Amino acid sequence: PEDRYASAEEVIADLRRALIHPSGFSQAFARKTRGKRYAGPEGAVSEVPVPVQESKDAVLAQEADADQERSVPSRKAGSSASGRPEGDGPRKRKPQQMDISHQLERIFAVTGVVAAILIVAVLIFVVLHLGGLLKSKPSGESPAGQAAETSMAEVTTAALAEGQVYMPQVVGLLEEDARELLDDSGIRMVVSSEETSDRYPSGYVMAQEYPEGTVLERNSTITVKVSKGSGTIDLAGLGLEGMEFQAARTLLQEKNLVVASNEESSDTIPAGNVIRYSPQMLREGETVTLTISSGPAMLPVPDVTGMTPEAANELLTASGFVPEAAGSDYSSDVEEGLVFNQTITVGSTAPRGTVIQYTVSLGPEETLIGKTSYIGSIDKEYKLSLNYGPGYAETSVRIVIRLRQDVDGKPVYRNLIEPRTVVGDSVIPISFSRIVGADGVEEGTVELVDLDKDQVLVSYPVSFFKTEE
């Protein structure tokens, strides 16, 4: 142990001296090891006297004598082939034998240097390897804003024992391809969950339980996470605009979205249908707001009674309605030439663009003996529940009963009762014993009208007869 080199630099220095001066190195080594012990073939330790050589010539002479003794056949004891006793003096080595010895020494020296360099390189590799510089990288995905999707443990490649396998990298593979690769490696795969991922498309493995290079027992079971895509839903392709609200809500709920709604009037989208939605892009579980049409905007109806037809037309148009003259009739309250009646009463509301008819007064009717009139009558009743059903028992409806006749090719309307509000399941009596019609007109129609919807609920034909007062 006391002769062990203190460092690799000393080993390399001695090897360099042996390569350049092999003979000198041998002498130095001999002096250095004089009187030392060595282990024999059987492990026994013996004392070896090492002669001290003071010169290169003496060393070469002894080597020559040893070579000659090995090459000369044995003779009788105490004599040589020339009759001289053996050992009379040292014999000189031939020059050819000395050259061969020098070549062998150089070959051995070079071989030793190469072997030493290889040993040092192997030692450096082992030290670096055990120091962790050759550790494998972890596998998996760790996108910003999400929980870690793969194990961050680093595993150093290790030798496999019988029945062990390495964990391959399956992140980024389709689920089917990952399963096939693991089956080939002797590993069973189980999908632990499907999660959204902005990095991996739907159906691809986004995380694995063990990093690549982990040593596992054959037939082990590992878990992976599979991407179900980014989870972003684009509503632009669903055709929600104009869709009936209930249908739109069902469609969105099937995509795991929360639906909120509000109402807004629209002149183009029917009541109950979607006008617009917000936002366009969102993820599962988020809220989409639908704006639903309540139909055309309801506008207040102005009062045009007592106005000239021109002024009535101007006011109704400015208020968002369509004015229409419904002819003329006698009125004892309004002077001739002014509006005395309108089909939708003041204070009520109606959708924009609703037609509002008005009647112009002819002044008080003169009673003349022998004057002829056209008189009709009607006796009916009508159940509003036929239109609205029993569910409208607590709902109010604004109605009017009017007479319609065609005078000179134009429809003329006259209210038989003024507009009033009734409940939705009311029975409306339509009974008039004396209805004065237009002069010379023998036919007409009595209509029951829903003013809120501007809809004729029912109409009855009436015949008019000429009579003299």
Protein backbone atom coordinates (compact mmCIF):
# COMPACT_ATOMS: atom_id res chain seq x y z
CA PRO A 1 0.00 0.00 0.00
CA GLU A 2 2.84 2.39 0.70
CA ASP A 3 3.89 2.09 -2.97
CA ARG A 4 0.44 3.03 -4.31
CA TYR A 5 0.31 6.10 -6.53
CA ALA A 6 -1.05 9.14 -4.80
CA SER A 7 -2.82 10.49 -7.89
CA ALA A 8 -3.63 9.75 -11.52
CA GLU A 9 -1.05 12.39 -12.54
CA GLU A 10 1.74 10.24 -11.05
CA VAL A 11 0.48 7.18 -12.98
CA ILE A 12 0.48 9.10 -16.26
CA ALA A 13 3.96 10.59 -15.54
CA ASP A 14 5.49 7.12 -14.93
CA LEU A 15 3.79 5.71 -18.04
CA ARG A 16 5.22 8.59 -20.10
CA ARG A 17 8.76 7.88 -18.72
CA ALA A 18 8.35 4.17 -19.48
CA LEU A 19 7.36 4.97 -23.07
CA ILE A 20 10.27 7.36 -23.68
CA HIS A 21 13.07 5.63 -21.61
CA PRO A 22 12.03 2.04 -21.01
CA SER A 23 15.50 0.89 -19.78
CA GLY A 24 15.95 3.76 -17.40
CA PHE A 25 12.43 3.26 -16.07
CA SER A 26 13.25 -0.45 -15.39
CA GLN A 27 16.31 0.50 -13.32
CA ALA A 28 14.39 3.11 -11.40
CA PHE A 29 11.63 0.60 -10.73
CA ALA A 30 14.23 -1.98 -9.56
CA ARG A 31 15.76 0.46 -7.13
CA LYS A 32 12.35 1.49 -5.92
CA THR A 33 11.25 -2.10 -5.21
CA ARG A 34 14.48 -3.47 -3.68
CA GLY A 35 13.67 -5.87 -0.87
CA LYS A 36 9.89 -5.72 -1.32
CA ARG A 37 7.41 -8.62 -1.02
CA TYR A 38 5.10 -9.86 -3.85
CA ALA A 39 2.45 -12.42 -4.06
CA GLY A 40 3.41 -15.63 -5.79
CA PRO A 41 1.16 -17.78 -7.96
CA GLU A 42 -0.22 -19.60 -4.94
CA GLY A 43 -0.60 -16.49 -2.86
CA ALA A 44 2.54 -17.23 -0.78
CA VAL A 45 4.80 -14.32 0.04
CA SER A 46 8.54 -14.80 -0.52
CA GLU A 47 11.54 -12.56 -0.15
CA VAL A 48 13.14 -11.78 -3.48
CA PRO A 49 16.60 -10.34 -3.47
CA VAL A 50 16.84 -7.79 -6.23
CA PRO A 51 20.37 -7.07 -7.45
CA VAL A 52 21.26 -3.47 -7.77
CA GLN A 53 22.43 -2.59 -11.27
CA GLU A 54 24.68 0.40 -11.41
CA SER A 55 24.84 0.66 -15.18
CA LYS A 56 22.95 -0.14 -18.30
CA ASP A 57 25.78 -2.36 -19.65
CA ALA A 58 25.76 -4.58 -16.59
CA VAL A 59 22.00 -5.08 -16.88
CA LEU A 60 22.27 -5.97 -20.54
CA ALA A 61 25.12 -8.43 -19.83
CA GLN A 62 23.11 -10.31 -17.25
CA GLU A 63 20.10 -10.51 -19.56
CA ALA A 64 22.37 -11.91 -22.30
CA ASP A 65 23.76 -14.59 -19.98
CA ALA A 66 20.28 -15.65 -18.99
CA ASP A 67 19.21 -15.90 -22.63
CA GLN A 68 22.31 -17.95 -23.54
CA GLU A 69 21.83 -20.39 -20.68
CA ARG A 70 18.27 -21.03 -21.80
CA SER A 71 19.41 -21.65 -25.37
CA VAL A 72 22.43 -24.03 -24.66
CA PRO A 73 21.59 -27.73 -24.08
CA SER A 74 22.53 -29.12 -20.65
CA ARG A 75 25.88 -30.73 -20.33
CA LYS A 76 27.67 -32.61 -17.70
CA ALA A 77 27.83 -30.95 -14.43
CA GLY A 78 30.75 -28.58 -14.04
CA SER A 79 31.70 -28.32 -17.75
CA SER A 80 30.62 -26.56 -20.93
CA ALA A 81 30.88 -27.45 -24.59
CA SER A 82 34.35 -25.91 -24.81
CA GLY A 83 35.60 -27.81 -21.79
CA ARG A 84 35.54 -24.71 -19.65
CA PRO A 85 33.59 -24.85 -16.49
CA GLU A 86 30.32 -22.88 -16.52
CA GLY A 87 30.25 -19.59 -14.84
CA ASP A 88 33.82 -18.60 -15.58
CA GLY A 89 32.63 -15.17 -16.51
CA PRO A 90 29.78 -13.24 -18.05
CA ARG A 91 29.08 -13.70 -21.69
CA LYS A 92 28.10 -10.74 -23.81
CA ARG A 93 24.63 -10.59 -25.43
CA LYS A 94 24.57 -10.48 -29.12
CA PRO A 95 23.41 -7.19 -30.69
CA GLN A 96 20.40 -8.80 -32.43
CA GLN A 97 19.10 -10.16 -29.13
CA MET A 98 19.47 -6.74 -27.53
CA ASP A 99 17.43 -5.07 -30.28
CA ILE A 100 14.61 -7.56 -29.90
CA SER A 101 14.56 -6.98 -26.15
CA HIS A 102 14.35 -3.22 -26.66
CA GLN A 103 11.44 -3.60 -29.10
CA LEU A 104 9.53 -5.82 -26.70
CA GLU A 105 10.06 -3.33 -23.92
CA ARG A 106 8.65 -0.51 -26.06
CA ILE A 107 5.63 -2.61 -27.07
CA PHE A 108 4.87 -3.43 -23.45
CA ALA A 109 5.28 0.21 -22.45
CA VAL A 110 2.94 1.51 -25.18
CA THR A 111 0.36 -1.13 -24.33
CA GLY A 112 0.48 -0.12 -20.69
CA VAL A 113 -0.03 3.56 -21.49
CA VAL A 114 -3.06 2.84 -23.69
CA ALA A 115 -4.58 0.60 -21.04
CA ALA A 116 -4.06 3.26 -18.39
CA ILE A 117 -5.75 5.92 -20.53
CA LEU A 118 -8.73 3.64 -21.10
CA ILE A 119 -9.02 2.92 -17.40
CA VAL A 120 -8.94 6.64 -16.55
CA ALA A 121 -11.65 7.36 -19.17
CA VAL A 122 -13.87 4.63 -17.75
CA LEU A 123 -13.40 5.99 -14.24
CA ILE A 124 -14.36 9.51 -15.35
CA PHE A 125 -17.50 8.21 -17.09
CA VAL A 126 -18.57 6.23 -14.02
CA VAL A 127 -18.03 9.22 -11.71
CA LEU A 128 -20.09 11.51 -13.95
CA HIS A 129 -22.79 8.89 -14.37
CA LEU A 130 -23.14 8.30 -10.64
CA GLY A 131 -23.09 12.06 -10.06
CA GLY A 132 -26.42 12.40 -11.85
CA LEU A 133 -25.24 14.28 -14.96
CA LEU A 134 -26.64 11.60 -17.24
CA LYS A 135 -30.13 11.51 -15.70
CA SER A 136 -33.05 11.23 -18.06
CA LYS A 137 -35.48 14.09 -18.52
CA PRO A 138 -38.98 13.84 -17.08
CA SER A 139 -41.89 13.42 -19.42
CA GLY A 140 -45.23 15.10 -19.49
CA GLU A 141 -46.97 18.41 -19.95
CA SER A 142 -46.90 21.39 -17.62
CA PRO A 143 -48.79 24.19 -19.49
CA ALA A 144 -49.08 27.65 -17.83
CA GLY A 145 -52.24 28.18 -15.74
CA GLN A 146 -52.93 24.41 -15.35
CA ALA A 147 -52.09 21.80 -12.72
CA ALA A 148 -49.01 19.66 -13.48
CA GLU A 149 -50.13 16.95 -15.86
CA THR A 150 -47.10 14.65 -15.59
CA SER A 151 -44.85 13.38 -12.83
CA MET A 152 -41.80 15.59 -12.41
CA ALA A 153 -39.61 12.84 -10.96
CA GLU A 154 -36.34 12.23 -12.79
CA VAL A 155 -35.22 8.66 -13.19
CA THR A 156 -31.66 7.59 -13.87
CA THR A 157 -31.37 4.83 -16.41
CA ALA A 158 -30.65 1.66 -14.50
CA ALA A 159 -29.86 -1.88 -15.47
CA LEU A 160 -32.89 -4.12 -15.84
CA ALA A 161 -33.36 -7.20 -13.74
CA GLU A 162 -35.29 -10.19 -14.97
CA GLY A 163 -38.99 -9.36 -15.36
CA GLN A 164 -38.42 -5.59 -15.50
CA VAL A 165 -39.08 -3.12 -18.33
CA TYR A 166 -38.49 0.55 -19.03
CA MET A 167 -41.43 2.97 -19.10
CA PRO A 168 -41.63 4.45 -22.63
CA GLN A 169 -42.71 7.99 -23.52
CA VAL A 170 -46.40 8.01 -24.53
CA VAL A 171 -47.30 11.67 -23.99
CA GLY A 172 -48.25 13.19 -27.34
CA LEU A 173 -49.47 9.89 -28.83
CA LEU A 174 -53.02 8.98 -29.75
CA GLU A 175 -54.65 6.88 -27.04
CA GLU A 176 -54.72 3.80 -29.30
CA ASP A 177 -51.05 4.20 -30.28
CA ALA A 178 -50.00 4.70 -26.66
CA ARG A 179 -51.87 1.56 -25.59
CA GLU A 180 -50.24 -0.48 -28.37
CA LEU A 181 -46.75 0.78 -27.45
CA LEU A 182 -47.25 -0.06 -23.78
CA ASP A 183 -48.69 -3.49 -24.60
CA ASP A 184 -45.55 -4.21 -26.63
CA SER A 185 -43.48 -3.19 -23.60
CA GLY A 186 -45.46 -5.46 -21.29
CA ILE A 187 -47.29 -2.63 -19.50
CA ARG A 188 -51.06 -2.25 -19.11
CA MET A 189 -52.57 1.22 -19.59
CA VAL A 190 -55.62 2.67 -17.82
CA VAL A 191 -57.11 6.09 -18.65
CA SER A 192 -57.58 7.82 -15.30
CA SER A 193 -59.37 10.90 -16.65
CA GLU A 194 -60.13 13.04 -19.67
CA GLU A 195 -59.29 16.70 -19.25
CA THR A 196 -59.16 19.85 -21.33
CA SER A 197 -55.81 20.88 -22.77
CA ASP A 198 -54.73 23.82 -24.89
CA ARG A 199 -51.59 21.89 -25.91
CA TYR A 200 -52.81 18.46 -26.99
CA PRO A 201 -55.73 17.78 -29.38
CA SER A 202 -58.65 15.63 -28.36
CA GLY A 203 -57.82 11.92 -28.05
CA TYR A 204 -54.09 12.39 -27.37
CA VAL A 205 -52.28 11.36 -24.18
CA MET A 206 -51.47 14.54 -22.23
CA ALA A 207 -49.84 13.04 -19.11
CA GLN A 208 -48.43 9.72 -17.89
CA GLU A 209 -48.02 8.40 -14.36
CA TYR A 210 -44.29 7.58 -14.63
CA PRO A 211 -41.62 9.44 -16.60
CA GLU A 212 -39.85 7.85 -19.52
CA GLY A 213 -37.09 5.50 -18.39
CA THR A 214 -38.69 4.47 -15.10
CA VAL A 215 -38.01 0.79 -14.34
CA LEU A 216 -41.27 -1.11 -13.86
CA GLU A 217 -42.20 -4.71 -13.28
CA ARG A 218 -43.50 -6.42 -16.41
CA ASN A 219 -47.33 -6.53 -16.53
CA SER A 220 -47.53 -3.43 -14.30
CA THR A 221 -50.54 -1.13 -14.70
CA ILE A 222 -49.98 2.59 -15.22
CA THR A 223 -52.45 5.46 -15.61
CA VAL A 224 -52.55 8.21 -18.22
CA LYS A 225 -54.63 11.33 -18.80
CA VAL A 226 -56.21 11.85 -22.22
CA SER A 227 -56.99 15.26 -23.68
CA LYS A 228 -60.52 16.11 -24.71
CA GLY A 229 -59.36 19.21 -26.55
CA SER A 230 -59.23 22.80 -25.49
CA GLY A 231 -62.87 22.69 -24.32
CA THR A 232 -63.61 25.93 -26.16
CA ILE A 233 -67.06 26.02 -27.78
CA ASP A 234 -67.73 28.28 -30.77
CA LEU A 235 -71.40 29.25 -30.84
CA ALA A 236 -71.16 30.78 -34.30
CA GLY A 237 -71.87 27.47 -35.99
CA LEU A 238 -74.97 26.58 -33.98
CA GLY A 239 -77.40 28.90 -35.78
CA LEU A 240 -78.83 30.35 -32.58
CA GLU A 241 -80.03 33.64 -34.07
CA GLY A 242 -83.71 33.41 -34.93
CA MET A 243 -84.05 30.06 -33.11
CA GLU A 244 -86.96 29.57 -30.73
CA PHE A 245 -85.80 30.13 -27.15
CA GLN A 246 -86.63 26.68 -25.74
CA ALA A 247 -84.83 24.92 -28.59
CA ALA A 248 -81.76 27.15 -28.18
CA ARG A 249 -81.65 26.57 -24.43
CA THR A 250 -81.84 22.78 -24.83
CA LEU A 251 -79.04 22.81 -27.40
CA LEU A 252 -76.75 24.86 -25.17
CA GLN A 253 -77.46 22.79 -22.06
CA GLU A 254 -76.48 19.65 -23.97
CA LYS A 255 -73.06 21.26 -24.39
CA ASN A 256 -72.79 21.76 -20.60
CA LEU A 257 -73.34 25.51 -20.79
CA VAL A 258 -75.35 27.66 -18.37
CA VAL A 259 -78.09 29.67 -20.13
CA ALA A 260 -79.26 33.12 -19.04
CA SER A 261 -81.75 35.30 -20.95
CA ASN A 262 -83.23 38.76 -21.22
CA GLU A 263 -85.91 40.32 -23.43
CA GLU A 264 -85.76 43.06 -26.01
CA SER A 265 -88.26 44.34 -28.53
CA SER A 266 -87.58 43.68 -32.20
CA ASP A 267 -89.42 44.66 -35.35
CA THR A 268 -87.77 41.85 -37.36
CA ILE A 269 -87.45 38.85 -34.98
CA PRO A 270 -90.71 37.18 -33.91
CA ALA A 271 -91.56 37.23 -30.23
CA GLY A 272 -89.95 34.34 -28.32
CA ASN A 273 -87.03 33.90 -30.71
CA VAL A 274 -83.32 34.62 -30.17
CA ILE A 275 -82.12 38.05 -31.33
CA ARG A 276 -78.44 37.56 -30.36
CA TYR A 277 -76.16 35.78 -27.87
CA SER A 278 -73.00 36.56 -25.93
CA PRO A 279 -70.18 35.56 -25.77
CA GLN A 280 -69.33 33.67 -28.95
CA MET A 281 -66.41 31.61 -27.53
CA LEU A 282 -66.60 29.97 -24.10
CA ARG A 283 -65.76 26.78 -22.20
CA GLU A 284 -67.94 24.12 -20.62
CA GLY A 285 -69.66 25.31 -17.46
CA GLU A 286 -69.56 28.98 -18.46
CA THR A 287 -72.65 31.15 -18.99
CA VAL A 288 -74.09 32.27 -22.33
CA THR A 289 -76.68 35.05 -22.37
CA LEU A 290 -79.50 34.92 -24.93
CA THR A 291 -81.42 38.07 -25.87
CA ILE A 292 -85.00 37.06 -26.69
CA SER A 293 -87.40 39.08 -28.81
CA SER A 294 -90.54 40.36 -27.14
CA GLY A 295 -91.92 41.33 -30.53
CA PRO A 296 -92.25 44.83 -31.89
CA ALA A 297 -91.93 47.63 -29.37
CA MET A 298 -95.23 48.56 -27.72
CA LEU A 299 -95.95 52.23 -28.24
CA PRO A 300 -98.56 54.42 -26.56
CA VAL A 301 -101.54 55.29 -28.75
CA PRO A 302 -102.20 59.05 -29.07
CA ASP A 303 -105.61 60.72 -29.01
CA VAL A 304 -106.66 62.00 -32.45
CA THR A 305 -110.33 62.69 -31.73
CA GLY A 306 -111.36 66.26 -32.49
CA MET A 307 -108.54 66.64 -35.05
CA THR A 308 -108.79 67.11 -38.76
CA PRO A 309 -107.92 64.03 -40.79
CA GLU A 310 -104.66 65.67 -41.87
CA ALA A 311 -103.57 66.39 -38.28
CA ALA A 312 -104.60 62.89 -37.18
CA ASN A 313 -102.50 61.33 -39.96
CA GLU A 314 -99.46 63.38 -38.99
CA LEU A 315 -99.68 62.55 -35.28
CA LEU A 316 -100.27 58.81 -35.79
CA THR A 317 -97.33 58.56 -38.20
CA ALA A 318 -94.99 60.40 -35.84
CA SER A 319 -96.04 58.03 -33.05
CA GLY A 320 -95.03 54.97 -35.06
CA PHE A 321 -98.42 53.90 -36.36
CA VAL A 322 -100.09 53.67 -39.75
CA PRO A 323 -103.18 55.96 -39.97
CA GLU A 324 -106.17 54.93 -42.03
CA ALA A 325 -109.47 56.77 -42.60
CA ALA A 326 -112.44 54.48 -41.96
CA GLY A 327 -115.09 56.67 -43.50
CA SER A 328 -117.53 59.03 -41.83
CA ASP A 329 -120.59 58.87 -39.62
CA TYR A 330 -123.01 61.10 -37.77
CA SER A 331 -121.96 62.40 -34.39
CA SER A 332 -123.85 64.72 -32.11
CA ASP A 333 -120.73 65.39 -30.04
CA VAL A 334 -118.12 66.26 -32.68
CA GLU A 335 -118.61 68.81 -35.37
CA GLU A 336 -118.59 67.85 -38.99
CA GLY A 337 -115.20 67.23 -40.62
CA LEU A 338 -113.33 66.25 -37.46
CA VAL A 339 -112.28 62.81 -36.18
CA PHE A 340 -114.71 61.50 -33.58
CA ASN A 341 -113.70 57.83 -33.30
CA GLN A 342 -110.51 55.67 -33.51
CA THR A 343 -110.15 51.87 -33.47
CA ILE A 344 -107.51 51.73 -30.67
CA THR A 345 -108.35 53.88 -27.69
CA VAL A 346 -106.17 56.47 -26.07
CA GLY A 347 -103.86 55.28 -23.28
CA SER A 348 -103.42 51.76 -24.61
CA THR A 349 -100.29 50.44 -26.34
CA ALA A 350 -99.76 48.76 -29.66
CA PRO A 351 -96.77 47.45 -31.64
CA ARG A 352 -94.95 49.82 -33.94
CA GLY A 353 -96.53 49.83 -37.39
CA THR A 354 -100.02 48.94 -36.20
CA VAL A 355 -102.84 50.31 -38.38
CA ILE A 356 -105.12 52.71 -36.48
CA GLN A 357 -108.36 53.65 -38.20
CA TYR A 358 -110.42 56.70 -37.45
CA THR A 359 -113.91 57.96 -38.40
CA VAL A 360 -114.76 61.50 -39.46
CA SER A 361 -117.90 63.14 -38.11
CA LEU A 362 -120.76 64.14 -40.39
CA GLY A 363 -122.23 66.26 -37.62
CA PRO A 364 -125.56 65.66 -35.86
CA GLU A 365 -127.96 63.47 -37.75
CA GLU A 366 -131.10 65.27 -38.89
CA THR A 367 -134.41 63.57 -38.13
CA LEU A 368 -136.73 64.03 -41.04
CA ILE A 369 -140.16 62.57 -41.52
CA GLY A 370 -140.03 60.14 -44.36
CA LYS A 371 -136.20 59.70 -44.16
CA THR A 372 -135.01 56.22 -45.02
CA SER A 373 -132.38 54.24 -43.06
CA TYR A 374 -130.73 50.81 -43.37
CA ILE A 375 -131.18 48.89 -40.11
CA GLY A 376 -129.75 45.54 -39.02
CA SER A 377 -129.55 43.45 -35.82
CA ILE A 378 -127.59 40.59 -34.21
CA ASP A 379 -127.91 38.36 -31.13
CA LYS A 380 -124.82 36.22 -30.42
CA GLU A 381 -122.30 35.47 -27.67
CA TYR A 382 -118.69 34.37 -27.78
CA LYS A 383 -116.46 32.51 -25.27
CA LEU A 384 -112.95 33.99 -25.15
CA SER A 385 -111.63 30.68 -23.78
CA LEU A 386 -112.01 29.29 -27.31
CA ASN A 387 -109.03 31.46 -28.25
CA TYR A 388 -107.06 31.65 -25.02
CA GLY A 389 -107.93 28.50 -23.10
CA PRO A 390 -108.71 28.07 -19.40
CA GLY A 391 -105.23 29.24 -18.43
CA TYR A 392 -106.25 32.80 -19.26
CA ALA A 393 -108.78 32.99 -16.39
CA GLU A 394 -106.58 35.53 -14.63
CA THR A 395 -105.40 37.30 -17.78
CA SER A 396 -106.95 40.56 -18.96
CA VAL A 397 -107.82 41.21 -22.62
CA ARG A 398 -108.79 44.51 -24.26
CA ILE A 399 -111.60 44.06 -26.79
CA VAL A 400 -113.92 46.12 -29.00
CA ILE A 401 -117.03 45.24 -31.03
CA ARG A 402 -117.33 47.07 -34.33
CA LEU A 403 -119.28 47.14 -37.56
CA ARG A 404 -117.52 46.86 -40.85
CA GLN A 405 -119.12 47.79 -44.20
CA ASP A 406 -117.69 48.41 -47.63
CA VAL A 407 -118.70 51.86 -48.82
CA ASP A 408 -117.71 52.86 -52.35
CA GLY A 409 -115.20 50.01 -52.38
CA LYS A 410 -113.50 50.98 -49.10
CA PRO A 411 -113.90 49.39 -45.65
CA VAL A 412 -115.65 51.60 -43.13
CA TYR A 413 -115.55 50.79 -39.40
CA ARG A 414 -117.83 51.97 -36.60
CA ASN A 415 -117.58 50.90 -32.98
CA LEU A 416 -120.73 49.35 -31.59
CA ILE A 417 -119.21 49.40 -28.08
CA GLU A 418 -116.15 51.30 -26.91
CA PRO A 419 -112.97 49.34 -26.05
CA ARG A 420 -113.01 47.68 -22.66
CA THR A 421 -110.93 45.21 -20.63
CA VAL A 422 -112.26 41.76 -19.78
CA VAL A 423 -110.77 38.53 -18.35
CA GLY A 424 -109.58 35.82 -20.70
CA ASP A 425 -112.33 33.30 -19.95
CA SER A 426 -115.25 35.74 -20.27
CA VAL A 427 -118.34 35.15 -22.39
CA ILE A 428 -118.88 38.23 -24.55
CA PRO A 429 -122.50 39.08 -25.51
CA ILE A 430 -122.76 40.38 -29.06
CA SER A 431 -126.37 41.50 -29.08
CA PHE A 432 -127.63 44.65 -30.83
CA SER A 433 -131.31 45.10 -31.75
CA ARG A 434 -130.85 48.15 -33.93
CA ILE A 435 -127.68 48.74 -35.91
CA VAL A 436 -127.78 51.69 -38.31
CA GLY A 437 -125.78 50.95 -41.41
CA ALA A 438 -124.46 53.13 -44.21
CA ASP A 439 -127.01 54.50 -46.68
CA GLY A 440 -127.63 52.15 -49.56
CA VAL A 441 -125.44 49.33 -48.10
CA GLU A 442 -127.37 46.15 -47.37
CA GLU A 443 -124.51 43.92 -46.01
CA GLY A 444 -122.02 44.27 -43.21
CA THR A 445 -119.98 42.36 -40.61
CA VAL A 446 -119.92 42.63 -36.84
CA GLU A 447 -116.38 41.87 -35.52
CA LEU A 448 -115.03 41.07 -32.05
CA VAL A 449 -111.43 42.39 -31.97
CA ASP A 450 -108.52 41.77 -29.56
CA LEU A 451 -106.93 45.22 -29.44
CA ASP A 452 -103.75 44.04 -27.71
CA LYS A 453 -102.93 41.79 -30.65
CA ASP A 454 -104.92 43.72 -33.28
CA GLN A 455 -106.63 40.44 -34.13
CA VAL A 456 -110.23 39.70 -35.17
CA LEU A 457 -111.39 36.92 -32.86
CA VAL A 458 -114.74 36.27 -34.55
CA SER A 459 -117.00 37.95 -37.13
CA TYR A 460 -120.70 37.59 -37.95
CA PRO A 461 -122.49 38.69 -41.14
CA VAL A 462 -125.38 41.15 -40.74
CA SER A 463 -128.08 42.10 -43.25
CA PHE A 464 -129.46 45.65 -43.39
CA PHE A 465 -132.96 46.59 -44.48
CA LYS A 466 -134.23 49.88 -45.80
CA THR A 467 -136.75 51.49 -43.44
CA GLU A 468 -138.54 54.83 -43.27
CA GLU A 469 -138.52 56.92 -40.13
